[in-house]
Amino acid sequence: MEPKYGEWEDLPVRWLPGEAWAFIDGAWKRVDSSDVGNNGAELDKSSFEAAFGRLIALPAIAFQDNRLAVDVLLLLARMPRRGSSRGKDRHFT
């Protein structure tokens, strides 16, 4: 799931449940995701860019926990189930 675009306390934010980042004084800073979720406004990408312009990229650590969880779920979904003949003799590539 991609982080949503939004506005919170007149600041640009990127948000998912459990994690939020606001652009404060020229840098992305992690902020309270509950506060952003309850008090912020979701924007579509074009409205976000029209309101705030193009901003620097989020830090590499942003939303890594969410990406890891999705990767693990995708991997588990692709694995053959115990007792299933599906995937017998298959190897990771």
PDB file of N, CA and C in Angstrom:
ATOM      1  N   MET A   1       0.840  -1.172   0.000  1.00  0.00           N
ATOM      2  CA  MET A   1       0.000   0.000   0.000  1.00  0.00           C
ATOM      3  C   MET A   1       0.888   1.240   0.000  1.00  0.00           C
ATOM      4  N   GLU A   2       0.590   2.150  -0.871  1.00  0.00           N
ATOM      5  CA  GLU A   2       1.365   3.389  -0.974  1.00  0.00           C
ATOM      6  C   GLU A   2       0.884   4.397   0.060  1.00  0.00           C
ATOM      7  N   PRO A   3       1.802   5.153   0.642  1.00  0.00           N
ATOM      8  CA  PRO A   3       1.398   6.193   1.586  1.00  0.00           C
ATOM      9  C   PRO A   3       0.502   7.224   0.906  1.00  0.00           C
ATOM     10  N   LYS A   4      -0.483   7.690   1.638  1.00  0.00           N
ATOM     11  CA  LYS A   4      -1.415   8.690   1.111  1.00  0.00           C
ATOM     12  C   LYS A   4      -0.795  10.081   1.225  1.00  0.00           C
ATOM     13  N   TYR A   5      -1.253  10.955   0.356  1.00  0.00           N
ATOM     14  CA  TYR A   5      -0.855  12.360   0.389  1.00  0.00           C
ATOM     15  C   TYR A   5      -1.855  13.110   1.250  1.00  0.00           C
ATOM     16  N   GLY A   6      -1.377  14.147   1.952  1.00  0.00           N
ATOM     17  CA  GLY A   6      -2.305  14.908   2.764  1.00  0.00           C
ATOM     18  C   GLY A   6      -1.745  16.230   3.239  1.00  0.00           C
ATOM     19  N   GLU A   7      -2.606  16.919   3.992  1.00  0.00           N
ATOM     20  CA  GLU A   7      -2.247  18.187   4.615  1.00  0.00           C
ATOM     21  C   GLU A   7      -2.638  18.087   6.085  1.00  0.00           C
ATOM     22  N   TRP A   8      -1.741  18.489   6.960  1.00  0.00           N
ATOM     23  CA  TRP A   8      -1.954  18.427   8.408  1.00  0.00           C
ATOM     24  C   TRP A   8      -1.292  19.640   9.025  1.00  0.00           C
ATOM     25  N   GLU A   9      -2.045  20.410   9.785  1.00  0.00           N
ATOM     26  CA  GLU A   9      -1.531  21.637  10.398  1.00  0.00           C
ATOM     27  C   GLU A   9      -0.834  22.535   9.368  1.00  0.00           C
ATOM     28  N   ASP A  10      -1.434  22.639   8.200  1.00  0.00           N
ATOM     29  CA  ASP A  10      -0.911  23.434   7.076  1.00  0.00           C
ATOM     30  C   ASP A  10       0.417  22.913   6.533  1.00  0.00           C
ATOM     31  N   LEU A  11       0.750  21.671   6.834  1.00  0.00           N
ATOM     32  CA  LEU A  11       1.987  21.056   6.353  1.00  0.00           C
ATOM     33  C   LEU A  11       1.668  19.915   5.390  1.00  0.00           C
ATOM     34  N   PRO A  12       2.535  19.697   4.401  1.00  0.00           N
ATOM     35  CA  PRO A  12       2.377  18.513   3.556  1.00  0.00           C
ATOM     36  C   PRO A  12       2.750  17.264   4.355  1.00  0.00           C
ATOM     37  N   VAL A  13       1.962  16.211   4.209  1.00  0.00           N
ATOM     38  CA  VAL A  13       2.244  14.954   4.905  1.00  0.00           C
ATOM     39  C   VAL A  13       2.060  13.780   3.964  1.00  0.00           C
ATOM     40  N   ARG A  14       2.748  12.690   4.298  1.00  0.00           N
ATOM     41  CA  ARG A  14       2.516  11.376   3.701  1.00  0.00           C
ATOM     42  C   ARG A  14       2.121  10.478   4.867  1.00  0.00           C
ATOM     43  N   TRP A  15       1.092   9.667   4.684  1.00  0.00           N
ATOM     44  CA  TRP A  15       0.506   8.965   5.817  1.00  0.00           C
ATOM     45  C   TRP A  15       0.009   7.573   5.450  1.00  0.00           C
ATOM     46  N   LEU A  16       0.228   6.651   6.362  1.00  0.00           N
ATOM     47  CA  LEU A  16      -0.418   5.338   6.400  1.00  0.00           C
ATOM     48  C   LEU A  16      -0.736   5.085   7.866  1.00  0.00           C
ATOM     49  N   PRO A  17      -1.734   4.260   8.162  1.00  0.00           N
ATOM     50  CA  PRO A  17      -1.975   3.948   9.570  1.00  0.00           C
ATOM     51  C   PRO A  17      -0.688   3.426  10.223  1.00  0.00           C
ATOM     52  N   GLY A  18      -0.302   4.056  11.309  1.00  0.00           N
ATOM     53  CA  GLY A  18       0.893   3.635  12.029  1.00  0.00           C
ATOM     54  C   GLY A  18       2.161   4.403  11.692  1.00  0.00           C
ATOM     55  N   GLU A  19       2.137   5.220  10.642  1.00  0.00           N
ATOM     56  CA  GLU A  19       3.340   5.991  10.279  1.00  0.00           C
ATOM     57  C   GLU A  19       2.950   7.220   9.475  1.00  0.00           C
ATOM     58  N   ALA A  20       3.563   8.345   9.814  1.00  0.00           N
ATOM     59  CA  ALA A  20       3.310   9.587   9.083  1.00  0.00           C
ATOM     60  C   ALA A  20       4.576  10.433   9.073  1.00  0.00           C
ATOM     61  N   TRP A  21       4.745  11.158   7.978  1.00  0.00           N
ATOM     62  CA  TRP A  21       5.889  12.067   7.809  1.00  0.00           C
ATOM     63  C   TRP A  21       5.364  13.412   7.339  1.00  0.00           C
ATOM     64  N   ALA A  22       5.850  14.483   7.971  1.00  0.00           N
ATOM     65  CA  ALA A  22       5.477  15.843   7.588  1.00  0.00           C
ATOM     66  C   ALA A  22       6.722  16.579   7.101  1.00  0.00           C
ATOM     67  N   PHE A  23       6.523  17.454   6.141  1.00  0.00           N
ATOM     68  CA  PHE A  23       7.623  18.266   5.615  1.00  0.00           C
ATOM     69  C   PHE A  23       7.686  19.548   6.440  1.00  0.00           C
ATOM     70  N   ILE A  24       8.681  19.623   7.339  1.00  0.00           N
ATOM     71  CA  ILE A  24       8.806  20.717   8.301  1.00  0.00           C
ATOM     72  C   ILE A  24      10.173  21.366   8.142  1.00  0.00           C
ATOM     73  N   ASP A  25      10.181  22.673   7.908  1.00  0.00           N
ATOM     74  CA  ASP A  25      11.435  23.435   7.796  1.00  0.00           C
ATOM     75  C   ASP A  25      12.412  22.811   6.804  1.00  0.00           C
ATOM     76  N   GLY A  26      11.892  22.387   5.657  1.00  0.00           N
ATOM     77  CA  GLY A  26      12.752  21.894   4.583  1.00  0.00           C
ATOM     78  C   GLY A  26      13.187  20.453   4.679  1.00  0.00           C
ATOM     79  N   ALA A  27      12.608  19.687   5.615  1.00  0.00           N
ATOM     80  CA  ALA A  27      12.986  18.278   5.755  1.00  0.00           C
ATOM     81  C   ALA A  27      11.773  17.453   6.173  1.00  0.00           C
ATOM     82  N   TRP A  28      11.785  16.187   5.769  1.00  0.00           N
ATOM     83  CA  TRP A  28      10.740  15.264   6.202  1.00  0.00           C
ATOM     84  C   TRP A  28      11.049  14.808   7.619  1.00  0.00           C
ATOM     85  N   LYS A  29      10.042  14.910   8.502  1.00  0.00           N
ATOM     86  CA  LYS A  29      10.197  14.480   9.894  1.00  0.00           C
ATOM     87  C   LYS A  29       9.029  13.564  10.252  1.00  0.00           C
ATOM     88  N   ARG A  30       9.346  12.512  10.991  1.00  0.00           N
ATOM     89  CA  ARG A  30       8.295  11.585  11.409  1.00  0.00           C
ATOM     90  C   ARG A  30       7.424  12.262  12.460  1.00  0.00           C
ATOM     91  N   VAL A  31       6.104  12.126  12.311  1.00  0.00           N
ATOM     92  CA  VAL A  31       5.152  12.744  13.225  1.00  0.00           C
ATOM     93  C   VAL A  31       4.118  11.712  13.667  1.00  0.00           C
ATOM     94  N   ASP A  32       3.265  12.086  14.588  1.00  0.00           N
ATOM     95  CA  ASP A  32       2.255  11.204  15.160  1.00  0.00           C
ATOM     96  C   ASP A  32       1.211  10.826  14.098  1.00  0.00           C
ATOM     97  N   SER A  33       1.202   9.574  13.716  1.00  0.00           N
ATOM     98  CA  SER A  33       0.291   9.137  12.645  1.00  0.00           C
ATOM     99  C   SER A  33      -1.168   9.204  13.075  1.00  0.00           C
ATOM    100  N   SER A  34      -1.452   9.004  14.353  1.00  0.00           N
ATOM    101  CA  SER A  34      -2.836   9.094  14.827  1.00  0.00           C
ATOM    102  C   SER A  34      -3.360  10.520  14.694  1.00  0.00           C
ATOM    103  N   ASP A  35      -2.520  11.478  15.041  1.00  0.00           N
ATOM    104  CA  ASP A  35      -2.926  12.876  14.919  1.00  0.00           C
ATOM    105  C   ASP A  35      -3.152  13.245  13.458  1.00  0.00           C
ATOM    106  N   VAL A  36      -2.253  12.804  12.607  1.00  0.00           N
ATOM    107  CA  VAL A  36      -2.405  13.078  11.171  1.00  0.00           C
ATOM    108  C   VAL A  36      -3.677  12.405  10.643  1.00  0.00           C
ATOM    109  N   GLY A  37      -3.890  11.142  11.016  1.00  0.00           N
ATOM    110  CA  GLY A  37      -5.071  10.421  10.544  1.00  0.00           C
ATOM    111  C   GLY A  37      -6.375  11.040  11.016  1.00  0.00           C
ATOM    112  N   ASN A  38      -6.382  11.555  12.239  1.00  0.00           N
ATOM    113  CA  ASN A  38      -7.607  12.132  12.800  1.00  0.00           C
ATOM    114  C   ASN A  38      -7.831  13.588  12.424  1.00  0.00           C
ATOM    115  N   ASN A  39      -6.758  14.336  12.217  1.00  0.00           N
ATOM    116  CA  ASN A  39      -6.894  15.785  12.032  1.00  0.00           C
ATOM    117  C   ASN A  39      -6.419  16.289  10.677  1.00  0.00           C
ATOM    118  N   GLY A  40      -5.822  15.425   9.874  1.00  0.00           N
ATOM    119  CA  GLY A  40      -5.338  15.838   8.564  1.00  0.00           C
ATOM    120  C   GLY A  40      -6.404  15.654   7.496  1.00  0.00           C
ATOM    121  N   ALA A  41      -6.107  16.152   6.324  1.00  0.00           N
ATOM    122  CA  ALA A  41      -6.997  16.012   5.169  1.00  0.00           C
ATOM    123  C   ALA A  41      -6.261  15.266   4.065  1.00  0.00           C
ATOM    124  N   GLU A  42      -6.877  14.242   3.541  1.00  0.00           N
ATOM    125  CA  GLU A  42      -6.275  13.497   2.438  1.00  0.00           C
ATOM    126  C   GLU A  42      -6.408  14.296   1.145  1.00  0.00           C
ATOM    127  N   LEU A  43      -5.347  14.290   0.345  1.00  0.00           N
ATOM    128  CA  LEU A  43      -5.322  14.959  -0.956  1.00  0.00           C
ATOM    129  C   LEU A  43      -4.915  13.948  -2.016  1.00  0.00           C
ATOM    130  N   ASP A  44      -5.384  14.153  -3.242  1.00  0.00           N
ATOM    131  CA  ASP A  44      -4.839  13.329  -4.319  1.00  0.00           C
ATOM    132  C   ASP A  44      -3.481  13.921  -4.702  1.00  0.00           C
ATOM    133  N   LYS A  45      -2.706  13.168  -5.451  1.00  0.00           N
ATOM    134  CA  LYS A  45      -1.330  13.581  -5.756  1.00  0.00           C
ATOM    135  C   LYS A  45      -1.279  14.931  -6.471  1.00  0.00           C
ATOM    136  N   SER A  46      -2.164  15.155  -7.432  1.00  0.00           N
ATOM    137  CA  SER A  46      -2.101  16.418  -8.176  1.00  0.00           C
ATOM    138  C   SER A  46      -2.485  17.603  -7.286  1.00  0.00           C
ATOM    139  N   SER A  47      -3.447  17.443  -6.398  1.00  0.00           N
ATOM    140  CA  SER A  47      -3.801  18.524  -5.461  1.00  0.00           C
ATOM    141  C   SER A  47      -2.664  18.791  -4.478  1.00  0.00           C
ATOM    142  N   PHE A  48      -2.007  17.726  -4.031  1.00  0.00           N
ATOM    143  CA  PHE A  48      -0.862  17.836  -3.126  1.00  0.00           C
ATOM    144  C   PHE A  48       0.256  18.648  -3.795  1.00  0.00           C
ATOM    145  N   GLU A  49       0.578  18.289  -5.038  1.00  0.00           N
ATOM    146  CA  GLU A  49       1.652  18.988  -5.758  1.00  0.00           C
ATOM    147  C   GLU A  49       1.267  20.424  -6.080  1.00  0.00           C
ATOM    148  N   ALA A  50      -0.018  20.667  -6.376  1.00  0.00           N
ATOM    149  CA  ALA A  50      -0.464  22.038  -6.647  1.00  0.00           C
ATOM    150  C   ALA A  50      -0.359  22.896  -5.385  1.00  0.00           C
ATOM    151  N   ALA A  51      -0.646  22.312  -4.239  1.00  0.00           N
ATOM    152  CA  ALA A  51      -0.609  23.064  -2.984  1.00  0.00           C
ATOM    153  C   ALA A  51       0.815  23.283  -2.468  1.00  0.00           C
ATOM    154  N   PHE A  52       1.681  22.281  -2.632  1.00  0.00           N
ATOM    155  CA  PHE A  52       2.998  22.333  -1.993  1.00  0.00           C
ATOM    156  C   PHE A  52       4.178  22.317  -2.961  1.00  0.00           C
ATOM    157  N   GLY A  53       3.919  22.145  -4.250  1.00  0.00           N
ATOM    158  CA  GLY A  53       5.005  22.048  -5.217  1.00  0.00           C
ATOM    159  C   GLY A  53       5.690  20.691  -5.100  1.00  0.00           C
ATOM    160  N   ARG A  54       6.793  20.560  -5.809  1.00  0.00           N
ATOM    161  CA  ARG A  54       7.554  19.303  -5.731  1.00  0.00           C
ATOM    162  C   ARG A  54       8.504  19.397  -4.552  1.00  0.00           C
ATOM    163  N   LEU A  55       8.439  18.391  -3.693  1.00  0.00           N
ATOM    164  CA  LEU A  55       9.270  18.366  -2.489  1.00  0.00           C
ATOM    165  C   LEU A  55      10.373  17.330  -2.643  1.00  0.00           C
ATOM    166  N   ILE A  56      11.379  17.419  -1.784  1.00  0.00           N
ATOM    167  CA  ILE A  56      12.426  16.406  -1.814  1.00  0.00           C
ATOM    168  C   ILE A  56      11.822  15.052  -1.456  1.00  0.00           C
ATOM    169  N   ALA A  57      12.488  14.002  -1.852  1.00  0.00           N
ATOM    170  CA  ALA A  57      12.001  12.644  -1.608  1.00  0.00           C
ATOM    171  C   ALA A  57      11.972  12.344  -0.111  1.00  0.00           C
ATOM    172  N   LEU A  58      11.069  11.457   0.256  1.00  0.00           N
ATOM    173  CA  LEU A  58      11.037  10.973   1.634  1.00  0.00           C
ATOM    174  C   LEU A  58      12.358  10.286   1.952  1.00  0.00           C
ATOM    175  N   PRO A  59      12.761  10.249   3.222  1.00  0.00           N
ATOM    176  CA  PRO A  59      13.990   9.527   3.569  1.00  0.00           C
ATOM    177  C   PRO A  59      13.835   8.033   3.287  1.00  0.00           C
ATOM    178  N   ALA A  60      14.929   7.378   3.057  1.00  0.00           N
ATOM    179  CA  ALA A  60      14.907   5.950   2.708  1.00  0.00           C
ATOM    180  C   ALA A  60      14.243   5.096   3.785  1.00  0.00           C
ATOM    181  N   ILE A  61      14.282   5.533   5.027  1.00  0.00           N
ATOM    182  CA  ILE A  61      13.687   4.734   6.107  1.00  0.00           C
ATOM    183  C   ILE A  61      12.166   4.883   6.190  1.00  0.00           C
ATOM    184  N   ALA A  62      11.599   5.843   5.472  1.00  0.00           N
ATOM    185  CA  ALA A  62      10.154   6.086   5.549  1.00  0.00           C
ATOM    186  C   ALA A  62       9.369   4.905   5.004  1.00  0.00           C
ATOM    187  N   PHE A  63       8.413   4.466   5.778  1.00  0.00           N
ATOM    188  CA  PHE A  63       7.459   3.417   5.410  1.00  0.00           C
ATOM    189  C   PHE A  63       8.106   2.072   5.117  1.00  0.00           C
ATOM    190  N   GLN A  64       9.294   1.825   5.635  1.00  0.00           N
ATOM    191  CA  GLN A  64       9.946   0.537   5.407  1.00  0.00           C
ATOM    192  C   GLN A  64       9.215  -0.607   6.090  1.00  0.00           C
ATOM    193  N   ASP A  65       8.675  -0.392   7.292  1.00  0.00           N
ATOM    194  CA  ASP A  65       7.951  -1.455   7.985  1.00  0.00           C
ATOM    195  C   ASP A  65       6.756  -1.912   7.171  1.00  0.00           C
ATOM    196  N   ASN A  66       6.052  -0.963   6.559  1.00  0.00           N
ATOM    197  CA  ASN A  66       4.892  -1.309   5.748  1.00  0.00           C
ATOM    198  C   ASN A  66       5.298  -2.065   4.485  1.00  0.00           C
ATOM    199  N   ARG A  67       6.384  -1.649   3.872  1.00  0.00           N
ATOM    200  CA  ARG A  67       6.852  -2.339   2.660  1.00  0.00           C
ATOM    201  C   ARG A  67       7.313  -3.749   2.989  1.00  0.00           C
ATOM    202  N   LEU A  68       7.991  -3.916   4.113  1.00  0.00           N
ATOM    203  CA  LEU A  68       8.448  -5.238   4.524  1.00  0.00           C
ATOM    204  C   LEU A  68       7.256  -6.159   4.762  1.00  0.00           C
ATOM    205  N   ALA A  69       6.222  -5.655   5.428  1.00  0.00           N
ATOM    206  CA  ALA A  69       5.036  -6.472   5.697  1.00  0.00           C
ATOM    207  C   ALA A  69       4.380  -6.917   4.398  1.00  0.00           C
ATOM    208  N   VAL A  70       4.280  -6.039   3.426  1.00  0.00           N
ATOM    209  CA  VAL A  70       3.691  -6.390   2.133  1.00  0.00           C
ATOM    210  C   VAL A  70       4.549  -7.424   1.432  1.00  0.00           C
ATOM    211  N   ASP A  71       5.874  -7.249   1.447  1.00  0.00           N
ATOM    212  CA  ASP A  71       6.772  -8.211   0.809  1.00  0.00           C
ATOM    213  C   ASP A  71       6.637  -9.595   1.431  1.00  0.00           C
ATOM    214  N   VAL A  72       6.541  -9.649   2.756  1.00  0.00           N
ATOM    215  CA  VAL A  72       6.395 -10.937   3.437  1.00  0.00           C
ATOM    216  C   VAL A  72       5.074 -11.591   3.050  1.00  0.00           C
ATOM    217  N   LEU A  73       3.995 -10.828   3.023  1.00  0.00           N
ATOM    218  CA  LEU A  73       2.695 -11.387   2.644  1.00  0.00           C
ATOM    219  C   LEU A  73       2.702 -11.897   1.208  1.00  0.00           C
ATOM    220  N   LEU A  74       3.335 -11.160   0.314  1.00  0.00           N
ATOM    221  CA  LEU A  74       3.413 -11.612  -1.079  1.00  0.00           C
ATOM    222  C   LEU A  74       4.215 -12.902  -1.184  1.00  0.00           C
ATOM    223  N   LEU A  75       5.305 -12.982  -0.447  1.00  0.00           N
ATOM    224  CA  LEU A  75       6.125 -14.190  -0.459  1.00  0.00           C
ATOM    225  C   LEU A  75       5.337 -15.376   0.079  1.00  0.00           C
ATOM    226  N   LEU A  76       4.639 -15.181   1.184  1.00  0.00           N
ATOM    227  CA  LEU A  76       3.838 -16.264   1.761  1.00  0.00           C
ATOM    228  C   LEU A  76       2.737 -16.715   0.813  1.00  0.00           C
ATOM    229  N   ALA A  77       2.132 -15.793   0.097  1.00  0.00           N
ATOM    230  CA  ALA A  77       1.057 -16.138  -0.837  1.00  0.00           C
ATOM    231  C   ALA A  77       1.579 -16.981  -1.994  1.00  0.00           C
ATOM    232  N   ARG A  78       2.828 -16.814  -2.338  1.00  0.00           N
ATOM    233  CA  ARG A  78       3.404 -17.557  -3.465  1.00  0.00           C
ATOM    234  C   ARG A  78       3.931 -18.927  -3.076  1.00  0.00           C
ATOM    235  N   MET A  79       4.087 -19.164  -1.787  1.00  0.00           N
ATOM    236  CA  MET A  79       4.643 -20.442  -1.336  1.00  0.00           C
ATOM    237  C   MET A  79       3.590 -21.543  -1.431  1.00  0.00           C
ATOM    238  N   PRO A  80       4.004 -22.754  -1.822  1.00  0.00           N
ATOM    239  CA  PRO A  80       3.046 -23.860  -1.863  1.00  0.00           C
ATOM    240  C   PRO A  80       2.586 -24.205  -0.453  1.00  0.00           C
ATOM    241  N   ARG A  81       1.350 -24.614  -0.343  1.00  0.00           N
ATOM    242  CA  ARG A  81       0.818 -24.985   0.962  1.00  0.00           C
ATOM    243  C   ARG A  81       1.270 -26.378   1.329  1.00  0.00           C
ATOM    244  N   ARG A  82       1.410 -26.629   2.609  1.00  0.00           N
ATOM    245  CA  ARG A  82       1.807 -27.944   3.108  1.00  0.00           C
ATOM    246  C   ARG A  82       0.793 -28.979   2.627  1.00  0.00           C
ATOM    247  N   GLY A  83       1.286 -30.065   2.106  1.00  0.00           N
ATOM    248  CA  GLY A  83       0.411 -31.117   1.600  1.00  0.00           C
ATOM    249  C   GLY A  83      -0.058 -30.886   0.173  1.00  0.00           C
ATOM    250  N   SER A  84       0.317 -29.774  -0.404  1.00  0.00           N
ATOM    251  CA  SER A  84      -0.094 -29.458  -1.769  1.00  0.00           C
ATOM    252  C   SER A  84       0.961 -29.963  -2.744  1.00  0.00           C
ATOM    253  N   SER A  85       0.525 -30.436  -3.879  1.00  0.00           N
ATOM    254  CA  SER A  85       1.483 -30.871  -4.900  1.00  0.00           C
ATOM    255  C   SER A  85       1.951 -29.676  -5.720  1.00  0.00           C
ATOM    256  N   ARG A  86       1.258 -28.547  -5.545  1.00  0.00           N
ATOM    257  CA  ARG A  86       1.624 -27.345  -6.283  1.00  0.00           C
ATOM    258  C   ARG A  86       3.032 -26.915  -5.870  1.00  0.00           C
ATOM    259  N   GLY A  87       3.869 -26.698  -6.816  1.00  0.00           N
ATOM    260  CA  GLY A  87       5.203 -26.211  -6.523  1.00  0.00           C
ATOM    261  C   GLY A  87       6.218 -27.301  -6.168  1.00  0.00           C
ATOM    262  N   LYS A  88       5.817 -28.560  -6.210  1.00  0.00           N
ATOM    263  CA  LYS A  88       6.754 -29.652  -5.914  1.00  0.00           C
ATOM    264  C   LYS A  88       7.898 -29.580  -6.914  1.00  0.00           C
ATOM    265  N   ASP A  89       9.074 -29.751  -6.565  1.00  0.00           N
ATOM    266  CA  ASP A  89      10.230 -29.663  -7.457  1.00  0.00           C
ATOM    267  C   ASP A  89      10.501 -28.254  -7.943  1.00  0.00           C
ATOM    268  N   ARG A  90       9.874 -27.249  -7.363  1.00  0.00           N
ATOM    269  CA  ARG A  90      10.179 -25.871  -7.756  1.00  0.00           C
ATOM    270  C   ARG A  90      11.202 -25.315  -6.780  1.00  0.00           C
ATOM    271  N   HIS A  91      12.027 -24.440  -7.276  1.00  0.00           N
ATOM    272  CA  HIS A  91      13.053 -23.808  -6.459  1.00  0.00           C
ATOM    273  C   HIS A  91      12.955 -22.302  -6.609  1.00  0.00           C
ATOM    274  N   PHE A  92      13.482 -21.595  -5.618  1.00  0.00           N
ATOM    275  CA  PHE A  92      13.540 -20.153  -5.744  1.00  0.00           C
ATOM    276  C   PHE A  92      14.468 -19.801  -6.893  1.00  0.00           C
ATOM    277  N   THR A  93      14.115 -18.768  -7.621  1.00  0.00           N
ATOM    278  CA  THR A  93      14.962 -18.339  -8.740  1.00  0.00           C
ATOM    279  C   THR A  93      15.544 -16.989  -8.469  1.00  0.00           C
TER     280      THR A  93
END
